[in-house]
PDB file of N, CA and C in Angstrom:
ATOM      1  N   MET A   1      38.357   4.452  19.746  1.00  0.00           N
ATOM      2  CA  MET A   1      37.674   4.629  18.580  1.00  0.00           C
ATOM      3  C   MET A   1      38.068   6.054  17.882  1.00  0.00           C
ATOM      4  N   ASN A   2      38.506   6.066  17.045  1.00  0.00           N
ATOM      5  CA  ASN A   2      38.902   7.308  16.179  1.00  0.00           C
ATOM      6  C   ASN A   2      37.737   7.952  15.806  1.00  0.00           C
ATOM      7  N   LEU A   3      37.853   9.082  15.282  1.00  0.00           N
ATOM      8  CA  LEU A   3      36.910  10.493  14.967  1.00  0.00           C
ATOM      9  C   LEU A   3      36.150   9.715  13.471  1.00  0.00           C
ATOM     10  N   ILE A   4      36.905   9.445  12.855  1.00  0.00           N
ATOM     11  CA  ILE A   4      36.500   8.846  11.266  1.00  0.00           C
ATOM     12  C   ILE A   4      35.437   7.686  11.660  1.00  0.00           C
ATOM     13  N   ALA A   5      35.815   6.486  12.200  1.00  0.00           N
ATOM     14  CA  ALA A   5      35.218   5.666  12.742  1.00  0.00           C
ATOM     15  C   ALA A   5      34.086   5.535  13.355  1.00  0.00           C
ATOM     16  N   LEU A   6      34.082   6.083  14.093  1.00  0.00           N
ATOM     17  CA  LEU A   6      32.725   6.844  14.980  1.00  0.00           C
ATOM     18  C   LEU A   6      31.744   7.545  14.151  1.00  0.00           C
ATOM     19  N   ILE A   7      32.252   8.429  13.614  1.00  0.00           N
ATOM     20  CA  ILE A   7      30.899   8.685  12.576  1.00  0.00           C
ATOM     21  C   ILE A   7      30.483   7.757  11.370  1.00  0.00           C
ATOM     22  N   LYS A   8      31.476   7.051  11.121  1.00  0.00           N
ATOM     23  CA  LYS A   8      31.050   5.900  10.195  1.00  0.00           C
ATOM     24  C   LYS A   8      30.011   5.012  10.642  1.00  0.00           C
ATOM     25  N   GLU A   9      30.303   4.794  11.994  1.00  0.00           N
ATOM     26  CA  GLU A   9      29.482   3.827  12.987  1.00  0.00           C
ATOM     27  C   GLU A   9      28.193   4.561  13.140  1.00  0.00           C
ATOM     28  N   ARG A  10      27.717   5.791  13.329  1.00  0.00           N
ATOM     29  CA  ARG A  10      26.555   6.246  13.423  1.00  0.00           C
ATOM     30  C   ARG A  10      26.083   6.763  12.237  1.00  0.00           C
ATOM     31  N   ALA A  11      26.945   6.891  11.324  1.00  0.00           N
ATOM     32  CA  ALA A  11      26.116   6.696   9.978  1.00  0.00           C
ATOM     33  C   ALA A  11      24.782   6.136   9.393  1.00  0.00           C
ATOM     34  N   LYS A  12      24.919   4.918  10.040  1.00  0.00           N
ATOM     35  CA  LYS A  12      24.118   3.488   9.699  1.00  0.00           C
ATOM     36  C   LYS A  12      22.745   4.238  10.119  1.00  0.00           C
ATOM     37  N   TYR A  13      22.531   5.024  10.959  1.00  0.00           N
ATOM     38  CA  TYR A  13      21.202   5.462  11.350  1.00  0.00           C
ATOM     39  C   TYR A  13      21.056   6.746  10.397  1.00  0.00           C
ATOM     40  N   TYR A  14      21.283   7.042   9.694  1.00  0.00           N
ATOM     41  CA  TYR A  14      20.957   8.320   9.111  1.00  0.00           C
ATOM     42  C   TYR A  14      20.770   7.787   7.440  1.00  0.00           C
ATOM     43  N   LYS A  15      20.257   8.576   7.068  1.00  0.00           N
ATOM     44  CA  LYS A  15      19.773   8.437   5.516  1.00  0.00           C
ATOM     45  C   LYS A  15      20.417   9.848   4.757  1.00  0.00           C
ATOM     46  N   CYS A  16      20.869   8.775   3.208  1.00  0.00           N
ATOM     47  CA  CYS A  16      21.224  10.015   2.204  1.00  0.00           C
ATOM     48  C   CYS A  16      20.208  10.974   1.649  1.00  0.00           C
ATOM     49  N   LEU A  17      20.674  12.311   1.574  1.00  0.00           N
ATOM     50  CA  LEU A  17      19.515  13.490   1.353  1.00  0.00           C
ATOM     51  C   LEU A  17      19.025  12.940  -0.230  1.00  0.00           C
ATOM     52  N   ALA A  18      19.813  12.327  -1.285  1.00  0.00           N
ATOM     53  CA  ALA A  18      19.533  12.570  -2.614  1.00  0.00           C
ATOM     54  C   ALA A  18      18.945  10.780  -2.636  1.00  0.00           C
ATOM     55  N   CYS A  19      19.235   9.761  -2.132  1.00  0.00           N
ATOM     56  CA  CYS A  19      18.727   8.601  -2.484  1.00  0.00           C
ATOM     57  C   CYS A  19      17.900   7.761  -1.373  1.00  0.00           C
ATOM     58  N   SER A  20      17.900   8.317  -0.245  1.00  0.00           N
ATOM     59  CA  SER A  20      17.053   7.794   1.112  1.00  0.00           C
ATOM     60  C   SER A  20      17.473   6.650   1.208  1.00  0.00           C
ATOM     61  N   GLN A  21      18.825   6.164   1.257  1.00  0.00           N
ATOM     62  CA  GLN A  21      19.332   4.483   1.567  1.00  0.00           C
ATOM     63  C   GLN A  21      20.238   5.221   2.886  1.00  0.00           C
ATOM     64  N   ALA A  22      20.306   4.118   3.821  1.00  0.00           N
ATOM     65  CA  ALA A  22      20.950   4.365   5.035  1.00  0.00           C
ATOM     66  C   ALA A  22      22.642   4.693   4.507  1.00  0.00           C
ATOM     67  N   LEU A  23      23.271   5.359   5.146  1.00  0.00           N
ATOM     68  CA  LEU A  23      24.620   5.638   4.907  1.00  0.00           C
ATOM     69  C   LEU A  23      25.706   4.696   5.777  1.00  0.00           C
ATOM     70  N   ALA A  24      25.206   3.658   6.365  1.00  0.00           N
ATOM     71  CA  ALA A  24      25.960   2.695   6.747  1.00  0.00           C
ATOM     72  C   ALA A  24      27.708   2.097   5.811  1.00  0.00           C
ATOM     73  N   ASP A  25      27.651   2.077   4.565  1.00  0.00           N
ATOM     74  CA  ASP A  25      28.846   2.142   4.067  1.00  0.00           C
ATOM     75  C   ASP A  25      29.301   3.044   3.475  1.00  0.00           C
ATOM     76  N   CYS A  26      29.182   4.277   3.976  1.00  0.00           N
ATOM     77  CA  CYS A  26      29.660   5.766   3.390  1.00  0.00           C
ATOM     78  C   CYS A  26      30.996   5.902   3.160  1.00  0.00           C
ATOM     79  N   GLN A  27      31.469   6.620   2.664  1.00  0.00           N
ATOM     80  CA  GLN A  27      32.987   7.124   2.873  1.00  0.00           C
ATOM     81  C   GLN A  27      32.941   8.414   3.609  1.00  0.00           C
ATOM     82  N   VAL A  28      34.042   8.742   4.452  1.00  0.00           N
ATOM     83  CA  VAL A  28      34.001   9.902   5.317  1.00  0.00           C
ATOM     84  C   VAL A  28      35.675  10.317   5.244  1.00  0.00           C
ATOM     85  N   LYS A  29      35.445  11.574   4.910  1.00  0.00           N
ATOM     86  CA  LYS A  29      36.771  12.366   4.482  1.00  0.00           C
ATOM     87  C   LYS A  29      36.541  13.421   5.812  1.00  0.00           C
ATOM     88  N   LEU A  30      37.845  13.785   6.938  1.00  0.00           N
ATOM     89  CA  LEU A  30      38.142  14.662   7.716  1.00  0.00           C
ATOM     90  C   LEU A  30      38.524  15.887   7.047  1.00  0.00           C
ATOM     91  N   LEU A  31      37.844  16.998   6.741  1.00  0.00           N
ATOM     92  CA  LEU A  31      38.041  18.368   5.987  1.00  0.00           C
ATOM     93  C   LEU A  31      38.766  19.412   6.922  1.00  0.00           C
ATOM     94  N   ASN A  32      37.991  19.072   8.108  1.00  0.00           N
ATOM     95  CA  ASN A  32      38.381  20.331   9.222  1.00  0.00           C
ATOM     96  C   ASN A  32      38.268  19.807  10.697  1.00  0.00           C
ATOM     97  N   GLU A  33      39.108  20.100  11.500  1.00  0.00           N
ATOM     98  CA  GLU A  33      38.714  19.774  12.822  1.00  0.00           C
ATOM     99  C   GLU A  33      39.272  21.024  13.826  1.00  0.00           C
ATOM    100  N   ALA A  34      38.110  21.896  14.413  1.00  0.00           N
ATOM    101  CA  ALA A  34      38.765  22.930  15.745  1.00  0.00           C
ATOM    102  C   ALA A  34      37.982  22.611  16.412  1.00  0.00           C
ATOM    103  N   ASP A  35      38.241  23.651  17.156  1.00  0.00           N
ATOM    104  CA  ASP A  35      37.777  23.573  18.715  1.00  0.00           C
ATOM    105  C   ASP A  35      36.593  23.527  18.682  1.00  0.00           C
ATOM    106  N   GLY A  36      36.036  21.985  19.277  1.00  0.00           N
ATOM    107  CA  GLY A  36      34.493  21.449  19.556  1.00  0.00           C
ATOM    108  C   GLY A  36      33.584  21.510  18.560  1.00  0.00           C
ATOM    109  N   HIS A  37      34.429  21.350  16.995  1.00  0.00           N
ATOM    110  CA  HIS A  37      33.236  20.974  15.871  1.00  0.00           C
ATOM    111  C   HIS A  37      34.438  20.337  14.638  1.00  0.00           C
ATOM    112  N   CYS A  38      33.832  19.689  14.153  1.00  0.00           N
ATOM    113  CA  CYS A  38      34.666  18.912  12.635  1.00  0.00           C
ATOM    114  C   CYS A  38      33.698  19.334  11.351  1.00  0.00           C
ATOM    115  N   THR A  39      34.559  19.175  10.154  1.00  0.00           N
ATOM    116  CA  THR A  39      33.898  19.367   9.194  1.00  0.00           C
ATOM    117  C   THR A  39      33.923  18.442   8.444  1.00  0.00           C
ATOM    118  N   VAL A  40      33.127  17.237   7.991  1.00  0.00           N
ATOM    119  CA  VAL A  40      33.358  16.229   7.186  1.00  0.00           C
ATOM    120  C   VAL A  40      32.820  15.967   5.853  1.00  0.00           C
ATOM    121  N   GLU A  41      33.599  15.570   4.915  1.00  0.00           N
ATOM    122  CA  GLU A  41      32.599  15.194   3.350  1.00  0.00           C
ATOM    123  C   GLU A  41      32.440  13.745   3.411  1.00  0.00           C
ATOM    124  N   VAL A  42      30.792  13.544   3.377  1.00  0.00           N
ATOM    125  CA  VAL A  42      30.508  12.295   3.284  1.00  0.00           C
ATOM    126  C   VAL A  42      29.733  11.788   1.771  1.00  0.00           C
ATOM    127  N   THR A  43      30.468  10.415   1.261  1.00  0.00           N
ATOM    128  CA  THR A  43      30.027  10.296   0.339  1.00  0.00           C
ATOM    129  C   THR A  43      29.060   9.132   0.533  1.00  0.00           C
ATOM    130  N   CYS A  44      27.919   9.014  -0.346  1.00  0.00           N
ATOM    131  CA  CYS A  44      26.911   7.642   0.116  1.00  0.00           C
ATOM    132  C   CYS A  44      27.285   6.695  -0.943  1.00  0.00           C
ATOM    133  N   ALA A  45      27.578   5.301  -0.280  1.00  0.00           N
ATOM    134  CA  ALA A  45      27.722   4.437  -1.022  1.00  0.00           C
ATOM    135  C   ALA A  45      27.251   4.145  -2.340  1.00  0.00           C
ATOM    136  N   ASN A  46      25.633   4.228  -1.914  1.00  0.00           N
ATOM    137  CA  ASN A  46      24.552   3.807  -2.678  1.00  0.00           C
ATOM    138  C   ASN A  46      24.604   4.515  -4.079  1.00  0.00           C
ATOM    139  N   CYS A  47      24.586   5.889  -3.959  1.00  0.00           N
ATOM    140  CA  CYS A  47      24.426   6.752  -5.001  1.00  0.00           C
ATOM    141  C   CYS A  47      25.773   7.583  -5.627  1.00  0.00           C
ATOM    142  N   GLY A  48      26.714   8.042  -4.620  1.00  0.00           N
ATOM    143  CA  GLY A  48      27.777   8.285  -4.948  1.00  0.00           C
ATOM    144  C   GLY A  48      27.716   9.731  -4.443  1.00  0.00           C
ATOM    145  N   VAL A  49      26.420  10.485  -4.289  1.00  0.00           N
ATOM    146  CA  VAL A  49      26.017  11.826  -3.728  1.00  0.00           C
ATOM    147  C   VAL A  49      27.195  12.090  -2.517  1.00  0.00           C
ATOM    148  N   SER A  50      28.056  13.334  -2.789  1.00  0.00           N
ATOM    149  CA  SER A  50      28.651  13.796  -1.641  1.00  0.00           C
ATOM    150  C   SER A  50      27.867  15.186  -1.027  1.00  0.00           C
ATOM    151  N   PHE A  51      28.426  15.215   0.027  1.00  0.00           N
ATOM    152  CA  PHE A  51      27.690  16.713   0.789  1.00  0.00           C
ATOM    153  C   PHE A  51      28.954  16.810   2.030  1.00  0.00           C
ATOM    154  N   VAL A  52      28.743  17.706   2.455  1.00  0.00           N
ATOM    155  CA  VAL A  52      29.823  18.546   3.606  1.00  0.00           C
ATOM    156  C   VAL A  52      28.560  18.646   4.598  1.00  0.00           C
ATOM    157  N   ALA A  53      29.394  18.448   5.978  1.00  0.00           N
ATOM    158  CA  ALA A  53      28.455  18.253   7.470  1.00  0.00           C
ATOM    159  C   ALA A  53      29.483  18.785   8.431  1.00  0.00           C
ATOM    160  N   VAL A  54      29.126  20.180   9.302  1.00  0.00           N
ATOM    161  CA  VAL A  54      29.658  20.334  10.432  1.00  0.00           C
ATOM    162  C   VAL A  54      29.023  19.797  11.432  1.00  0.00           C
ATOM    163  N   LEU A  55      30.078  18.840  12.378  1.00  0.00           N
ATOM    164  CA  LEU A  55      29.590  17.917  13.430  1.00  0.00           C
ATOM    165  C   LEU A  55      30.100  18.724  14.493  1.00  0.00           C
ATOM    166  N   LEU A  56      29.402  19.112  15.575  1.00  0.00           N
ATOM    167  CA  LEU A  56      29.614  19.539  16.714  1.00  0.00           C
ATOM    168  C   LEU A  56      29.942  18.280  18.310  1.00  0.00           C
ATOM    169  N   LEU A  57      31.002  18.251  18.492  1.00  0.00           N
ATOM    170  CA  LEU A  57      32.204  17.477  19.066  1.00  0.00           C
ATOM    171  C   LEU A  57      31.800  18.016  20.353  1.00  0.00           C
ATOM    172  N   LYS A  58      31.401  16.884  21.257  1.00  0.00           N
ATOM    173  CA  LYS A  58      31.447  17.317  22.744  1.00  0.00           C
ATOM    174  C   LYS A  58      32.305  15.813  23.490  1.00  0.00           C
ATOM    175  N   LYS A  59      32.882  16.331  24.556  1.00  0.00           N
ATOM    176  CA  LYS A  59      33.669  15.489  25.630  1.00  0.00           C
ATOM    177  C   LYS A  59      32.437  14.253  26.025  1.00  0.00           C
ATOM    178  N   ALA A  60      33.296  13.233  25.564  1.00  0.00           N
ATOM    179  CA  ALA A  60      32.359  11.999  26.464  1.00  0.00           C
ATOM    180  C   ALA A  60      31.587  11.613  27.817  1.00  0.00           C
ATOM    181  N   LYS A  61      30.790  11.679  28.153  1.00  0.00           N
ATOM    182  CA  LYS A  61      30.225  11.709  29.595  1.00  0.00           C
ATOM    183  C   LYS A  61      29.807  10.147  29.512  1.00  0.00           C
ATOM    184  N   HIS A  62      29.905   9.362  28.640  1.00  0.00           N
ATOM    185  CA  HIS A  62      29.084   8.189  28.744  1.00  0.00           C
ATOM    186  C   HIS A  62      29.544   6.838  29.114  1.00  0.00           C
ATOM    187  N   PRO A  63      29.460   5.746  29.406  1.00  0.00           N
ATOM    188  CA  PRO A  63      30.175   5.052  29.861  1.00  0.00           C
ATOM    189  C   PRO A  63      30.939   4.085  28.791  1.00  0.00           C
ATOM    190  N   ASP A  64      30.260   4.176  27.554  1.00  0.00           N
ATOM    191  CA  ASP A  64      30.810   3.628  26.373  1.00  0.00           C
ATOM    192  C   ASP A  64      31.470   4.383  25.398  1.00  0.00           C
ATOM    193  N   GLY A  65      31.667   5.493  25.929  1.00  0.00           N
ATOM    194  CA  GLY A  65      32.196   6.776  25.014  1.00  0.00           C
ATOM    195  C   GLY A  65      31.482   7.587  24.196  1.00  0.00           C
ATOM    196  N   LEU A  66      30.143   7.356  24.136  1.00  0.00           N
ATOM    197  CA  LEU A  66      29.133   7.980  23.219  1.00  0.00           C
ATOM    198  C   LEU A  66      28.813   9.155  24.125  1.00  0.00           C
ATOM    199  N   PRO A  67      28.538  10.486  23.466  1.00  0.00           N
ATOM    200  CA  PRO A  67      27.787  11.695  24.007  1.00  0.00           C
ATOM    201  C   PRO A  67      26.252  11.333  24.235  1.00  0.00           C
ATOM    202  N   LYS A  68      25.609  11.784  25.317  1.00  0.00           N
ATOM    203  CA  LYS A  68      24.261  11.803  25.981  1.00  0.00           C
ATOM    204  C   LYS A  68      23.429  11.468  24.336  1.00  0.00           C
ATOM    205  N   ALA A  69      23.550  12.670  23.833  1.00  0.00           N
ATOM    206  CA  ALA A  69      22.578  12.767  22.600  1.00  0.00           C
ATOM    207  C   ALA A  69      22.589  11.884  21.554  1.00  0.00           C
ATOM    208  N   ALA A  70      23.688  10.897  21.642  1.00  0.00           N
ATOM    209  CA  ALA A  70      23.775   9.604  20.738  1.00  0.00           C
ATOM    210  C   ALA A  70      22.476   8.201  21.059  1.00  0.00           C
ATOM    211  N   GLU A  71      22.207   8.747  22.360  1.00  0.00           N
ATOM    212  CA  GLU A  71      21.134   7.934  22.654  1.00  0.00           C
ATOM    213  C   GLU A  71      19.961   8.258  22.643  1.00  0.00           C
ATOM    214  N   GLU A  72      19.731   9.013  21.856  1.00  0.00           N
ATOM    215  CA  GLU A  72      18.569   9.639  21.327  1.00  0.00           C
ATOM    216  C   GLU A  72      17.956   9.740  20.057  1.00  0.00           C
ATOM    217  N   GLY A  73      18.684   8.733  19.336  1.00  0.00           N
ATOM    218  CA  GLY A  73      18.596   8.436  18.374  1.00  0.00           C
ATOM    219  C   GLY A  73      19.104   9.523  16.878  1.00  0.00           C
ATOM    220  N   PRO A  74      18.536   8.945  15.846  1.00  0.00           N
ATOM    221  CA  PRO A  74      19.087   9.647  14.781  1.00  0.00           C
ATOM    222  C   PRO A  74      18.130  10.992  14.354  1.00  0.00           C
ATOM    223  N   ILE A  75      18.329  12.301  13.799  1.00  0.00           N
ATOM    224  CA  ILE A  75      18.041  13.372  13.750  1.00  0.00           C
ATOM    225  C   ILE A  75      16.344  13.288  13.019  1.00  0.00           C
ATOM    226  N   SER A  76      15.316  13.815  13.566  1.00  0.00           N
ATOM    227  CA  SER A  76      14.519  13.517  12.950  1.00  0.00           C
ATOM    228  C   SER A  76      14.126  14.094  11.594  1.00  0.00           C
ATOM    229  N   THR A  77      12.889  13.809  10.883  1.00  0.00           N
ATOM    230  CA  THR A  77      13.206  14.456   9.463  1.00  0.00           C
ATOM    231  C   THR A  77      12.454  15.649   9.726  1.00  0.00           C
ATOM    232  N   ASP A  78      11.818  16.696  10.380  1.00  0.00           N
ATOM    233  CA  ASP A  78      11.573  17.740  10.595  1.00  0.00           C
ATOM    234  C   ASP A  78      12.874  18.461  10.983  1.00  0.00           C
ATOM    235  N   GLU A  79      13.619  17.923  11.578  1.00  0.00           N
ATOM    236  CA  GLU A  79      15.423  18.463  12.194  1.00  0.00           C
ATOM    237  C   GLU A  79      16.002  18.813  10.415  1.00  0.00           C
ATOM    238  N   MET A  80      15.962  17.623   9.936  1.00  0.00           N
ATOM    239  CA  MET A  80      16.635  17.800   8.382  1.00  0.00           C
ATOM    240  C   MET A  80      15.706  18.574   7.797  1.00  0.00           C
ATOM    241  N   LEU A  81      14.805  18.837   7.475  1.00  0.00           N
ATOM    242  CA  LEU A  81      14.128  19.800   6.784  1.00  0.00           C
ATOM    243  C   LEU A  81      14.353  21.029   7.100  1.00  0.00           C
ATOM    244  N   ASP A  82      14.654  21.486   8.763  1.00  0.00           N
ATOM    245  CA  ASP A  82      14.938  22.868   9.045  1.00  0.00           C
ATOM    246  C   ASP A  82      16.683  23.162   8.638  1.00  0.00           C
ATOM    247  N   VAL A  83      16.950  21.945   8.383  1.00  0.00           N
ATOM    248  CA  VAL A  83      18.490  22.294   8.039  1.00  0.00           C
ATOM    249  C   VAL A  83      18.739  22.258   6.988  1.00  0.00           C
ATOM    250  N   HIS A  84      17.821  21.836   5.956  1.00  0.00           N
ATOM    251  CA  HIS A  84      17.782  21.886   4.387  1.00  0.00           C
ATOM    252  C   HIS A  84      17.264  23.509   4.076  1.00  0.00           C
ATOM    253  N   GLU A  85      16.454  23.927   4.735  1.00  0.00           N
ATOM    254  CA  GLU A  85      15.515  25.305   4.740  1.00  0.00           C
ATOM    255  C   GLU A  85      16.626  26.155   4.822  1.00  0.00           C
ATOM    256  N   TYR A  86      17.458  25.673   5.549  1.00  0.00           N
ATOM    257  CA  TYR A  86      18.273  26.994   6.578  1.00  0.00           C
ATOM    258  C   TYR A  86      19.497  26.639   5.315  1.00  0.00           C
ATOM    259  N   MET A  87      20.263  26.153   5.004  1.00  0.00           N
ATOM    260  CA  MET A  87      21.476  25.948   3.996  1.00  0.00           C
ATOM    261  C   MET A  87      20.614  26.626   2.451  1.00  0.00           C
ATOM    262  N   LYS A  88      19.533  26.412   2.136  1.00  0.00           N
ATOM    263  CA  LYS A  88      19.142  26.567   1.075  1.00  0.00           C
ATOM    264  C   LYS A  88      18.833  28.224   1.081  1.00  0.00           C
ATOM    265  N   ALA A  89      18.488  28.852   2.299  1.00  0.00           N
ATOM    266  CA  ALA A  89      18.844  30.019   2.079  1.00  0.00           C
ATOM    267  C   ALA A  89      20.030  30.938   2.783  1.00  0.00           C
ATOM    268  N   PHE A  90      21.265  30.181   2.918  1.00  0.00           N
ATOM    269  CA  PHE A  90      22.132  30.603   3.383  1.00  0.00           C
ATOM    270  C   PHE A  90      23.242  31.364   2.307  1.00  0.00           C
ATOM    271  N   SER A  91      23.630  31.957   2.717  1.00  0.00           N
ATOM    272  CA  SER A  91      24.388  33.040   1.600  1.00  0.00           C
ATOM    273  C   SER A  91      25.884  33.184   1.677  1.00  0.00           C
ATOM    274  N   GLY A  92      26.288  32.945   2.744  1.00  0.00           N
ATOM    275  CA  GLY A  92      27.891  32.823   3.188  1.00  0.00           C
ATOM    276  C   GLY A  92      28.727  31.943   2.281  1.00  0.00           C
ATOM    277  N   SER A  93      29.951  31.869   2.949  1.00  0.00           N
ATOM    278  CA  SER A  93      30.886  30.824   2.538  1.00  0.00           C
ATOM    279  C   SER A  93      30.826  29.618   3.379  1.00  0.00           C
ATOM    280  N   LEU A  94      31.782  28.766   3.016  1.00  0.00           N
ATOM    281  CA  LEU A  94      32.136  27.397   3.706  1.00  0.00           C
ATOM    282  C   LEU A  94      32.584  27.712   5.339  1.00  0.00           C
ATOM    283  N   ASN A  95      33.324  28.714   4.914  1.00  0.00           N
ATOM    284  CA  ASN A  95      34.295  29.270   6.152  1.00  0.00           C
ATOM    285  C   ASN A  95      33.382  29.807   7.246  1.00  0.00           C
ATOM    286  N   GLU A  96      32.321  30.630   6.694  1.00  0.00           N
ATOM    287  CA  GLU A  96      31.132  31.332   8.036  1.00  0.00           C
ATOM    288  C   GLU A  96      30.410  30.230   8.474  1.00  0.00           C
ATOM    289  N   LEU A  97      30.202  28.998   7.161  1.00  0.00           N
ATOM    290  CA  LEU A  97      29.290  28.271   8.179  1.00  0.00           C
ATOM    291  C   LEU A  97      30.032  27.437   9.174  1.00  0.00           C
ATOM    292  N   ALA A  98      30.967  26.916   8.777  1.00  0.00           N
ATOM    293  CA  ALA A  98      31.808  26.305   9.837  1.00  0.00           C
ATOM    294  C   ALA A  98      32.084  26.957  11.098  1.00  0.00           C
ATOM    295  N   ARG A  99      32.576  28.508  11.004  1.00  0.00           N
ATOM    296  CA  ARG A  99      32.549  29.060  12.168  1.00  0.00           C
ATOM    297  C   ARG A  99      31.201  29.355  12.979  1.00  0.00           C
ATOM    298  N   GLY A 100      30.194  28.903  12.267  1.00  0.00           N
ATOM    299  CA  GLY A 100      28.756  29.167  13.328  1.00  0.00           C
ATOM    300  C   GLY A 100      28.408  30.574  12.770  1.00  0.00           C
ATOM    301  N   ARG A 101      29.008  31.680  12.070  1.00  0.00           N
ATOM    302  CA  ARG A 101      28.746  32.701  11.937  1.00  0.00           C
ATOM    303  C   ARG A 101      27.456  32.975  10.907  1.00  0.00           C
ATOM    304  N   PRO A 102      26.282  33.450  11.530  1.00  0.00           N
ATOM    305  CA  PRO A 102      25.099  33.217  10.742  1.00  0.00           C
ATOM    306  C   PRO A 102      25.108  34.346   9.608  1.00  0.00           C
ATOM    307  N   SER A 103      24.770  33.959   8.353  1.00  0.00           N
ATOM    308  CA  SER A 103      24.275  35.302   7.469  1.00  0.00           C
ATOM    309  C   SER A 103      22.997  35.436   7.224  1.00  0.00           C
ATOM    310  N   ARG A 104      22.850  36.467   6.409  1.00  0.00           N
ATOM    311  CA  ARG A 104      21.411  36.871   6.238  1.00  0.00           C
ATOM    312  C   ARG A 104      20.789  35.849   5.353  1.00  0.00           C
ATOM    313  N   PRO A 105      19.705  35.266   5.498  1.00  0.00           N
ATOM    314  CA  PRO A 105      18.919  34.605   4.273  1.00  0.00           C
ATOM    315  C   PRO A 105      18.940  35.525   3.230  1.00  0.00           C
ATOM    316  N   THR A 106      18.676  34.468   2.177  1.00  0.00           N
ATOM    317  CA  THR A 106      18.572  35.259   0.810  1.00  0.00           C
ATOM    318  C   THR A 106      16.772  35.143   0.804  1.00  0.00           C
ATOM    319  N   PRO A 107      16.373  36.106   0.292  1.00  0.00           N
ATOM    320  CA  PRO A 107      15.017  35.794   0.175  1.00  0.00           C
ATOM    321  C   PRO A 107      14.239  34.774  -0.859  1.00  0.00           C
ATOM    322  N   SER A 108      13.481  33.763  -0.817  1.00  0.00           N
ATOM    323  CA  SER A 108      12.947  33.050  -1.354  1.00  0.00           C
ATOM    324  C   SER A 108      12.279  33.612  -2.386  1.00  0.00           C
TER     325      SER A 108
END
């Protein structure tokens, strides 16, 4: 299974941040792939909102090819809120975000 197909298959477990509908039929475009992570643009099939996601890539050690974390189910609401708060305060460039270089949060 290629990377985009895997992301699209897993997307059904996640909801759009704008309309809260499942991302089952979303469009996924690979923007960048580097050592250990990739950056994708995801477009919700329901409302058309696009967002960028940075995904950590791990070598599969699971018999069906999925990383162990995939067994743990979708990201929790609290985890999504944490990411939202981090992104709201993030003041760097997309390249800094993709490289994992933290920036100083801007005061709220």
